[in-house]
Structure formats: structure tokens, C-alpha cells
């Protein structure tokens, strides 16, 4: 009697053959009912999962070391392109009031 794994291989051969169940079954020496039954059975059961062998070792966990002295990557500065052709780059942590003053001065410098 054929095993589940053997029938799974037969199903793959059937699908690759492009033949209908009648022709494939006749060529291979099976009954078409067997092909349909096993196709339904294999699809319902899902893929075969290998069972773990009794000699398999339990998983081992490796130690994890946290690095506390690692410095975070500094974010990129924001680039503000002014209509007059100048670019102002602002790093994180800026004061909005200071930026407003710098932008006003940069805009006035070319206006004069």
C-alpha cells in the first residue's frame, strides 16, 4: 500500500503531466477515484510536516549582551531651500524663534 508521501509525489506528477484524471490514472495504473480522493485528502491535511526525531536536542539559547555605550545615530539636518537660492540646514534641537530670526535675516540680505 502506498504511503501519504508516495501519493503526494503522484499528485505532483499528475499536475505536471497536464493530463486529466482518467488518462493519467490509466497510464499509471490507478483508478481516477483514487486520484481525486488523495488530492482532496492532501489538500485538506495541508503539507506534510516532518515529525521531530526523539534524538533531536532541545534548542539552545545563546547569551545576549546589551551595549549601553553605543551612541545613537544623529538624524540628518532639515534643509530649507529659500526662493532666493539659499539653503538653510537646521539640526535637531533648534529653537523655533531662532530659526525664524535666521530665515528673516537670510531673506532680507538679498532683498537689499
C-alpha atoms as a PDB file:
ATOM      1  CA  UNK A   1       0.000   0.000   0.000  1.00  0.00           C
ATOM      2  CA  UNK A   2       1.323   3.455  -0.950  1.00  0.00           C
ATOM      3  CA  UNK A   3       2.134   5.984   1.756  1.00  0.00           C
ATOM      4  CA  UNK A   4       0.950   9.563   2.023  1.00  0.00           C
ATOM      5  CA  UNK A   5       4.349  10.756   0.767  1.00  0.00           C
ATOM      6  CA  UNK A   6       4.131   8.478  -2.283  1.00  0.00           C
ATOM      7  CA  UNK A   7       0.655   9.791  -3.088  1.00  0.00           C
ATOM      8  CA  UNK A   8       1.885  13.338  -2.704  1.00  0.00           C
ATOM      9  CA  UNK A   9       4.580  12.627  -5.316  1.00  0.00           C
ATOM     10  CA  UNK A  10       1.960  11.075  -7.581  1.00  0.00           C
ATOM     11  CA  UNK A  11      -0.173  14.199  -7.271  1.00  0.00           C
ATOM     12  CA  UNK A  12       2.792  16.331  -8.328  1.00  0.00           C
ATOM     13  CA  UNK A  13       3.389  14.076 -11.337  1.00  0.00           C
ATOM     14  CA  UNK A  14      -0.313  14.270 -12.228  1.00  0.00           C
ATOM     15  CA  UNK A  15      -0.340  18.072 -12.073  1.00  0.00           C
ATOM     16  CA  UNK A  16       2.836  18.326 -14.158  1.00  0.00           C
ATOM     17  CA  UNK A  17       1.518  15.879 -16.747  1.00  0.00           C
ATOM     18  CA  UNK A  18      -1.317  18.176 -17.782  1.00  0.00           C
ATOM     19  CA  UNK A  19      -3.493  15.090 -18.255  1.00  0.00           C
ATOM     20  CA  UNK A  20      -6.973  14.590 -16.938  1.00  0.00           C
ATOM     21  CA  UNK A  21      -7.590  12.122 -14.121  1.00  0.00           C
ATOM     22  CA  UNK A  22      -8.868   9.389 -16.483  1.00  0.00           C
ATOM     23  CA  UNK A  23      -5.835   9.446 -18.786  1.00  0.00           C
ATOM     24  CA  UNK A  24      -3.260   9.840 -16.020  1.00  0.00           C
ATOM     25  CA  UNK A  25      -4.836   7.103 -13.895  1.00  0.00           C
ATOM     26  CA  UNK A  26      -4.983   4.705 -16.833  1.00  0.00           C
ATOM     27  CA  UNK A  27      -1.351   5.440 -17.730  1.00  0.00           C
ATOM     28  CA  UNK A  28      -0.160   4.950 -14.123  1.00  0.00           C
ATOM     29  CA  UNK A  29      -2.423   2.002 -13.269  1.00  0.00           C
ATOM     30  CA  UNK A  30      -4.716   3.727 -10.749  1.00  0.00           C
ATOM     31  CA  UNK A  31      -8.396   4.409 -10.607  1.00  0.00           C
ATOM     32  CA  UNK A  32      -9.426   8.039 -11.193  1.00  0.00           C
ATOM     33  CA  UNK A  33     -11.368   7.887  -7.901  1.00  0.00           C
ATOM     34  CA  UNK A  34      -8.078   7.285  -6.093  1.00  0.00           C
ATOM     35  CA  UNK A  35      -6.524  10.384  -7.616  1.00  0.00           C
ATOM     36  CA  UNK A  36      -9.469  12.564  -6.645  1.00  0.00           C
ATOM     37  CA  UNK A  37      -9.619  11.119  -3.128  1.00  0.00           C
ATOM     38  CA  UNK A  38      -5.907  11.646  -2.472  1.00  0.00           C
ATOM     39  CA  UNK A  39      -5.928  15.135  -3.948  1.00  0.00           C
ATOM     40  CA  UNK A  40      -8.782  16.101  -1.623  1.00  0.00           C
ATOM     41  CA  UNK A  41      -7.087  14.376   1.352  1.00  0.00           C
ATOM     42  CA  UNK A  42      -3.710  16.014   0.775  1.00  0.00           C
ATOM     43  CA  UNK A  43      -5.213  19.470   0.315  1.00  0.00           C
ATOM     44  CA  UNK A  44      -7.322  19.108   3.468  1.00  0.00           C
ATOM     45  CA  UNK A  45      -4.390  17.898   5.560  1.00  0.00           C
ATOM     46  CA  UNK A  46      -2.009  20.575   4.295  1.00  0.00           C
ATOM     47  CA  UNK A  47       1.685  19.990   3.674  1.00  0.00           C
ATOM     48  CA  UNK A  48       3.321  17.129   5.496  1.00  0.00           C
ATOM     49  CA  UNK A  49       5.370  18.256   8.479  1.00  0.00           C
ATOM     50  CA  UNK A  50       8.365  16.161   9.436  1.00  0.00           C
ATOM     51  CA  UNK A  51       7.966  14.856  12.939  1.00  0.00           C
ATOM     52  CA  UNK A  52      10.872  15.618  15.256  1.00  0.00           C
ATOM     53  CA  UNK A  53      13.063  12.655  15.926  1.00  0.00           C
ATOM     54  CA  UNK A  54      13.483  11.567  19.545  1.00  0.00           C
ATOM     55  CA  UNK A  55      17.235  12.139  19.337  1.00  0.00           C
ATOM     56  CA  UNK A  56      16.798  15.819  18.487  1.00  0.00           C
ATOM     57  CA  UNK A  57      18.451  18.045  21.068  1.00  0.00           C
ATOM     58  CA  UNK A  58      16.342  20.736  22.688  1.00  0.00           C
ATOM     59  CA  UNK A  59      17.012  24.254  21.415  1.00  0.00           C
ATOM     60  CA  UNK A  60      19.897  26.095  22.992  1.00  0.00           C
ATOM     61  CA  UNK A  61      19.738  29.756  23.827  1.00  0.00           C
ATOM     62  CA  UNK A  62      22.748  31.982  23.356  1.00  0.00           C
ATOM     63  CA  UNK A  63      23.579  34.805  25.771  1.00  0.00           C
ATOM     64  CA  UNK A  64      22.685  38.327  24.729  1.00  0.00           C
ATOM     65  CA  UNK A  65      24.891  41.255  25.677  1.00  0.00           C
ATOM     66  CA  UNK A  66      23.424  44.751  25.681  1.00  0.00           C
ATOM     67  CA  UNK A  67      25.728  47.557  24.642  1.00  0.00           C
ATOM     68  CA  UNK A  68      24.946  50.613  26.737  1.00  0.00           C
ATOM     69  CA  UNK A  69      27.738  52.847  25.462  1.00  0.00           C
ATOM     70  CA  UNK A  70      26.597  52.804  21.842  1.00  0.00           C
ATOM     71  CA  UNK A  71      25.787  56.297  20.674  1.00  0.00           C
ATOM     72  CA  UNK A  72      22.600  56.724  18.669  1.00  0.00           C
ATOM     73  CA  UNK A  73      22.906  57.819  15.072  1.00  0.00           C
ATOM     74  CA  UNK A  74      22.273  61.531  14.760  1.00  0.00           C
ATOM     75  CA  UNK A  75      19.352  62.326  12.478  1.00  0.00           C
ATOM     76  CA  UNK A  76      20.043  64.258   9.302  1.00  0.00           C
ATOM     77  CA  UNK A  77      19.543  68.020   9.396  1.00  0.00           C
ATOM     78  CA  UNK A  78      16.485  69.556   7.760  1.00  0.00           C
ATOM     79  CA  UNK A  79      17.342  71.521   4.610  1.00  0.00           C
ATOM     80  CA  UNK A  80      15.191  74.572   3.834  1.00  0.00           C
ATOM     81  CA  UNK A  81      15.627  75.924   0.299  1.00  0.00           C
ATOM     82  CA  UNK A  82      14.731  79.600   0.166  1.00  0.00           C
ATOM     83  CA  UNK A  83      13.253  81.119  -3.014  1.00  0.00           C
ATOM     84  CA  UNK A  84      16.298  83.387  -3.276  1.00  0.00           C
ATOM     85  CA  UNK A  85      18.571  80.375  -3.829  1.00  0.00           C
ATOM     86  CA  UNK A  86      19.992  79.970  -0.345  1.00  0.00           C
ATOM     87  CA  UNK A  87      19.708  76.761   1.683  1.00  0.00           C
ATOM     88  CA  UNK A  88      19.441  76.763   5.466  1.00  0.00           C
ATOM     89  CA  UNK A  89      20.242  73.491   7.232  1.00  0.00           C
ATOM     90  CA  UNK A  90      18.733  73.011  10.681  1.00  0.00           C
ATOM     91  CA  UNK A  91      19.901  70.323  13.079  1.00  0.00           C
ATOM     92  CA  UNK A  92      17.527  68.648  15.553  1.00  0.00           C
ATOM     93  CA  UNK A  93      17.072  70.547  18.804  1.00  0.00           C
ATOM     94  CA  UNK A  94      16.895  74.013  17.271  1.00  0.00           C
ATOM     95  CA  UNK A  95      14.837  76.784  18.824  1.00  0.00           C
ATOM     96  CA  UNK A  96      11.951  77.830  16.561  1.00  0.00           C
ATOM     97  CA  UNK A  97      12.320  81.506  17.471  1.00  0.00           C
ATOM     98  CA  UNK A  98      15.996  81.497  16.462  1.00  0.00           C
ATOM     99  CA  UNK A  99      15.198  79.755  13.172  1.00  0.00           C
ATOM    100  CA  UNK A 100      12.501  82.324  12.419  1.00  0.00           C
ATOM    101  CA  UNK A 101      15.024  85.129  13.035  1.00  0.00           C
ATOM    102  CA  UNK A 102      17.693  83.455  10.813  1.00  0.00           C
ATOM    103  CA  UNK A 103      15.203  82.949   7.969  1.00  0.00           C
ATOM    104  CA  UNK A 104      14.090  86.564   8.182  1.00  0.00           C
ATOM    105  CA  UNK A 105      17.708  87.762   8.031  1.00  0.00           C
ATOM    106  CA  UNK A 106      18.524  85.406   5.128  1.00  0.00           C
ATOM    107  CA  UNK A 107      15.525  86.676   3.187  1.00  0.00           C
ATOM    108  CA  UNK A 108      16.346  90.332   3.864  1.00  0.00           C
ATOM    109  CA  UNK A 109      20.026  90.016   2.954  1.00  0.00           C
ATOM    110  CA  UNK A 110      19.323  89.510  -0.755  1.00  0.00           C
ATOM    111  CA  UNK A 111      16.410  91.922  -0.833  1.00  0.00           C
ATOM    112  CA  UNK A 112      18.729  94.878  -0.215  1.00  0.00           C
END
